[in-house]
Amino acid sequence: MINISAIILCKNASNSLERTLKSLEFCDEIILADDGSTDNSTEIAKKFGAKILHLPPGLGFAAKRNFAMQHATHEWVLFVDSDEVVSDQLVQSIEKSIGSELNGYLIRRTDIFMGRKLLHGEVGNVWILRLAKKSAGKWIRNVHEIWQITGGIGKLDGALQHYPHQTVSEFISDITMYAELESKNRQQTQVITFVQLILFPPAKFVHNYFLRLGFLDGVPGLIYAWAMSLHSLCVRIFILEKYEA
């Protein structure tokens, strides 16, 4: 048997954390990397035997993950966010596959929004590297971070079930937060034009809703496509705002 350390990045996640922790009971170690929670997230984690790691303030998302990974006891590390759940099929696939000559595994993430699994559009076919050997590489990018590793990478069956937005208003709030973070990454290299402000956001909607078949996900698919169009607009507005300042 191969031992696995699970790491959860967390900030004020008491509404969803217990479900996440229950899905990680197959792991040999659970680390809650807490980013200054003011609710009872750490108390919930302790009930499941998780180790509490307090993240230094001011780190980007990649730096948070790299810092937490240094504290993992085992070579194999599984990263799960506090709004994600490891499906039973994924657990079985991990236990069956881990220990091969590969250094990491891609996992499919499925978003559940407004009570519906989204099978199309922006999040309809997302594969992310979340299980790998900690010695194989590191996380990069301050936002929308990726795990960059060397060696062979496989794919696992099952899914990470993602419950990212409890309400539409929470979704809009998250969009503006991530758009501002993304704008900081781009503002040194991207020049925003009037044409971009007019064309890019609606083009994003058309791409997700029609070309990527988001309309097949019903009303949740429609709202998601419009929300990602708003994200595209906000990124460019924030870059323009900082440039003009």
Protein backbone atom coordinates (compact mmCIF):
# COMPACT_ATOMS: atom_id res chain seq x y z
CA MET A 1 0.00 0.00 0.00
CA ILE A 2 1.17 3.52 -0.88
CA ASN A 3 0.62 6.19 1.77
CA ILE A 4 -1.05 9.43 0.69
CA SER A 5 -1.09 12.88 2.26
CA ALA A 6 -4.18 14.94 1.46
CA ILE A 7 -3.93 18.72 1.58
CA ILE A 8 -6.95 21.03 1.76
CA LEU A 9 -6.57 24.76 1.18
CA CYS A 10 -9.15 26.42 3.39
CA LYS A 11 -10.53 29.79 4.40
CA ASN A 12 -13.88 30.04 6.20
CA ALA A 13 -15.21 26.83 4.68
CA SER A 14 -17.33 25.51 7.55
CA ASN A 15 -20.38 25.10 5.27
CA SER A 16 -18.67 22.59 2.98
CA LEU A 17 -15.61 21.29 4.80
CA GLU A 18 -17.15 18.30 6.59
CA ARG A 19 -18.29 16.77 3.30
CA THR A 20 -14.77 17.20 1.90
CA LEU A 21 -13.12 15.65 4.94
CA LYS A 22 -15.41 12.61 4.91
CA SER A 23 -14.39 11.89 1.32
CA LEU A 24 -10.71 11.87 2.35
CA GLU A 25 -10.92 9.25 5.08
CA PHE A 26 -9.04 6.80 2.84
CA CYS A 27 -5.91 8.99 3.04
CA ASP A 28 -3.17 8.32 5.60
CA GLU A 29 -2.71 11.99 6.48
CA ILE A 30 -4.95 15.03 6.11
CA ILE A 31 -3.49 18.53 6.34
CA LEU A 32 -5.76 21.56 6.55
CA ALA A 33 -3.76 24.48 5.16
CA ASP A 34 -5.72 27.30 6.75
CA ASP A 35 -5.54 30.79 5.32
CA GLY A 36 -6.73 32.79 8.31
CA SER A 37 -10.21 31.35 8.85
CA THR A 38 -12.38 33.18 11.35
CA ASP A 39 -15.12 30.53 11.50
CA ASN A 40 -14.89 27.04 13.02
CA SER A 41 -13.18 25.37 10.02
CA THR A 42 -10.15 24.29 12.05
CA GLU A 43 -12.35 22.78 14.78
CA ILE A 44 -14.24 20.74 12.17
CA ALA A 45 -10.96 19.51 10.68
CA LYS A 46 -9.61 18.45 14.07
CA LYS A 47 -12.65 16.17 14.54
CA PHE A 48 -11.46 14.22 11.51
CA GLY A 49 -7.91 13.97 12.81
CA ALA A 50 -6.53 16.55 10.39
CA LYS A 51 -3.30 18.41 11.09
CA ILE A 52 -3.75 22.18 11.10
CA LEU A 53 -1.19 24.20 9.16
CA HIS A 54 -1.47 27.99 9.32
CA LEU A 55 -0.41 29.60 6.04
CA PRO A 56 1.75 32.74 6.12
CA PRO A 57 -0.23 35.83 5.04
CA GLY A 58 0.13 37.36 1.60
CA LEU A 59 1.01 34.25 -0.40
CA GLY A 60 -0.32 33.61 -3.91
CA PHE A 61 -2.22 30.39 -4.57
CA ALA A 62 0.78 28.50 -5.97
CA ALA A 63 2.95 29.57 -3.04
CA LYS A 64 0.28 28.39 -0.60
CA ARG A 65 0.22 24.95 -2.17
CA ASN A 66 4.02 24.70 -2.29
CA PHE A 67 4.29 25.76 1.35
CA ALA A 68 1.70 23.18 2.41
CA MET A 69 3.34 20.44 0.35
CA GLN A 70 6.59 20.90 2.28
CA HIS A 71 4.74 19.76 5.40
CA ALA A 72 3.34 16.55 3.89
CA THR A 73 4.71 13.42 5.51
CA HIS A 74 4.26 11.13 2.52
CA GLU A 75 5.68 11.27 -1.01
CA TRP A 76 2.29 11.07 -2.74
CA VAL A 77 0.15 14.17 -2.22
CA LEU A 78 -3.50 14.71 -3.12
CA PHE A 79 -4.73 18.31 -3.26
CA VAL A 80 -8.43 18.87 -2.67
CA ASP A 81 -10.13 22.23 -2.22
CA SER A 82 -12.59 22.78 0.61
CA ASP A 83 -15.54 22.84 -1.83
CA GLU A 84 -14.61 19.55 -3.52
CA VAL A 85 -15.55 15.94 -2.78
CA VAL A 86 -13.64 12.82 -3.84
CA SER A 87 -16.11 10.41 -5.42
CA ASP A 88 -16.17 6.73 -4.46
CA GLN A 89 -15.11 5.78 -7.98
CA LEU A 90 -12.14 8.12 -7.76
CA VAL A 91 -11.08 6.60 -4.43
CA GLN A 92 -11.14 3.14 -6.00
CA SER A 93 -9.17 4.36 -9.02
CA ILE A 94 -6.53 5.99 -6.81
CA GLU A 95 -6.09 2.85 -4.71
CA LYS A 96 -5.83 0.71 -7.85
CA SER A 97 -3.52 2.98 -9.87
CA ILE A 98 -1.10 4.55 -7.41
CA GLY A 99 2.27 2.87 -7.15
CA SER A 100 2.91 2.65 -10.87
CA GLU A 101 5.94 4.22 -12.54
CA LEU A 102 3.99 7.42 -13.17
CA ASN A 103 4.71 10.60 -11.20
CA GLY A 104 1.23 12.09 -11.26
CA TYR A 105 -2.41 11.73 -12.29
CA LEU A 106 -4.97 13.97 -13.93
CA ILE A 107 -8.40 13.97 -12.33
CA ARG A 108 -11.64 15.06 -13.95
CA ARG A 109 -13.48 17.77 -12.03
CA THR A 110 -17.24 18.06 -12.40
CA ASP A 111 -19.00 21.24 -11.29
CA ILE A 112 -22.38 21.09 -9.56
CA PHE A 113 -24.13 24.46 -9.86
CA MET A 114 -27.70 25.26 -8.80
CA GLY A 115 -28.17 21.56 -8.07
CA ARG A 116 -27.15 20.43 -11.57
CA LYS A 117 -23.99 18.74 -12.82
CA LEU A 118 -22.57 20.86 -15.63
CA LEU A 119 -21.53 18.65 -18.54
CA HIS A 120 -20.81 21.36 -21.10
CA GLY A 121 -19.53 24.92 -21.44
CA GLU A 122 -16.62 26.39 -19.49
CA VAL A 123 -16.36 23.55 -16.98
CA GLY A 124 -17.75 20.64 -18.99
CA ASN A 125 -14.46 18.83 -19.59
CA VAL A 126 -11.89 19.92 -17.02
CA TRP A 127 -8.92 17.70 -16.14
CA ILE A 128 -6.54 18.87 -13.44
CA LEU A 129 -3.34 17.48 -11.95
CA ARG A 130 -4.08 17.02 -8.26
CA LEU A 131 -2.33 13.76 -7.30
CA ALA A 132 1.44 13.51 -7.71
CA LYS A 133 4.74 12.85 -6.00
CA LYS A 134 5.80 15.95 -4.08
CA SER A 135 9.38 15.53 -5.34
CA ALA A 136 8.24 15.62 -8.99
CA GLY A 137 7.67 19.37 -9.27
CA LYS A 138 6.01 22.49 -7.90
CA TRP A 139 2.99 24.72 -8.31
CA ILE A 140 3.26 27.85 -10.48
CA ARG A 141 1.07 30.95 -11.15
CA ASN A 142 -0.46 33.18 -8.48
CA VAL A 143 -4.03 32.50 -9.67
CA HIS A 144 -5.48 29.58 -11.67
CA GLU A 145 -2.36 27.79 -10.51
CA ILE A 146 -1.07 24.56 -12.06
CA TRP A 147 1.14 21.78 -10.72
CA GLN A 148 4.17 21.51 -13.01
CA ILE A 149 5.88 18.13 -12.65
CA THR A 150 8.35 15.96 -14.53
CA GLY A 151 7.81 12.35 -15.48
CA GLY A 152 4.83 10.36 -16.69
CA ILE A 153 1.27 11.50 -16.03
CA GLY A 154 -1.81 9.26 -16.20
CA LYS A 155 -5.57 9.71 -15.84
CA LEU A 156 -7.86 8.40 -13.13
CA ASP A 157 -11.46 7.22 -13.31
CA GLY A 158 -14.08 8.96 -11.22
CA ALA A 159 -14.23 12.65 -10.44
CA LEU A 160 -13.67 15.45 -8.02
CA GLN A 161 -17.16 16.77 -7.43
CA HIS A 162 -16.92 20.55 -7.23
CA TYR A 163 -19.53 22.65 -5.39
CA PRO A 164 -18.03 26.11 -5.99
CA HIS A 165 -20.95 28.51 -5.52
CA GLN A 166 -23.75 28.13 -2.98
CA THR A 167 -25.67 31.10 -4.45
CA VAL A 168 -25.57 33.22 -7.59
CA SER A 169 -24.58 36.28 -5.54
CA GLU A 170 -21.64 34.29 -4.13
CA PHE A 171 -20.72 33.33 -7.71
CA ILE A 172 -20.65 36.98 -8.80
CA SER A 173 -18.54 37.91 -5.77
CA ASP A 174 -16.04 35.14 -6.59
CA ILE A 175 -15.88 36.27 -10.21
CA THR A 176 -14.87 39.81 -9.30
CA MET A 177 -12.28 38.52 -6.80
CA TYR A 178 -10.64 36.15 -9.29
CA ALA A 179 -10.89 38.71 -12.09
CA GLU A 180 -8.93 41.21 -10.01
CA LEU A 181 -6.27 38.60 -9.22
CA GLU A 182 -6.03 37.65 -12.90
CA SER A 183 -5.72 41.30 -13.91
CA LYS A 184 -2.66 41.65 -11.68
CA ASN A 185 -1.00 38.79 -13.56
CA ARG A 186 -1.77 40.32 -16.95
CA GLN A 187 -1.44 44.06 -16.44
CA GLN A 188 2.28 44.20 -17.20
CA THR A 189 1.93 42.44 -20.55
CA GLN A 190 -1.59 43.07 -21.87
CA VAL A 191 -2.81 46.32 -23.44
CA ILE A 192 -6.58 46.72 -23.35
CA THR A 193 -8.30 48.24 -26.38
CA PHE A 194 -11.81 49.55 -26.93
CA VAL A 195 -12.45 46.72 -29.36
CA GLN A 196 -11.53 44.12 -26.71
CA LEU A 197 -13.99 45.61 -24.23
CA ILE A 198 -16.78 45.42 -26.80
CA LEU A 199 -16.07 42.06 -28.44
CA PHE A 200 -14.28 39.75 -26.02
CA PRO A 201 -16.97 39.33 -23.29
CA PRO A 202 -19.83 38.48 -25.70
CA ALA A 203 -17.44 36.24 -27.67
CA LYS A 204 -16.74 34.39 -24.42
CA PHE A 205 -20.47 33.84 -23.95
CA VAL A 206 -20.96 32.59 -27.52
CA HIS A 207 -18.00 30.23 -27.16
CA ASN A 208 -19.24 28.68 -23.90
CA TYR A 209 -22.98 28.69 -24.51
CA PHE A 210 -23.15 27.73 -28.17
CA LEU A 211 -19.83 26.29 -29.37
CA ARG A 212 -19.22 24.32 -26.17
CA LEU A 213 -22.92 23.42 -25.88
CA GLY A 214 -23.57 25.15 -22.58
CA PHE A 215 -27.24 25.48 -23.54
CA LEU A 216 -27.63 21.75 -22.93
CA ASP A 217 -27.14 22.41 -19.20
CA GLY A 218 -30.38 24.38 -19.01
CA VAL A 219 -30.74 27.52 -16.91
CA PRO A 220 -27.59 26.80 -14.84
CA GLY A 221 -25.63 26.55 -18.10
CA LEU A 222 -27.02 29.89 -19.25
CA ILE A 223 -26.17 31.65 -15.99
CA TYR A 224 -22.70 30.12 -15.96
CA ALA A 225 -21.98 31.28 -19.51
CA TRP A 226 -23.08 34.83 -18.71
CA ALA A 227 -21.04 34.82 -15.50
CA MET A 228 -17.86 33.79 -17.31
CA SER A 229 -18.52 36.51 -19.87
CA LEU A 230 -18.68 38.94 -16.94
CA HIS A 231 -15.35 37.57 -15.71
CA SER A 232 -13.80 38.31 -19.11
CA LEU A 233 -15.11 41.87 -18.95
CA CYS A 234 -14.01 42.47 -15.35
CA VAL A 235 -10.43 41.30 -16.00
CA ARG A 236 -10.07 43.87 -18.77
CA ILE A 237 -11.76 46.64 -16.82
CA PHE A 238 -9.46 46.07 -13.84
CA ILE A 239 -6.38 46.12 -16.08
CA LEU A 240 -7.59 49.32 -17.71
CA GLU A 241 -8.35 50.87 -14.32
CA LYS A 242 -4.83 50.17 -13.03
CA TYR A 243 -3.25 51.35 -16.28
CA GLU A 244 -5.17 54.63 -16.22
CA ALA A 245 -4.26 55.14 -12.56
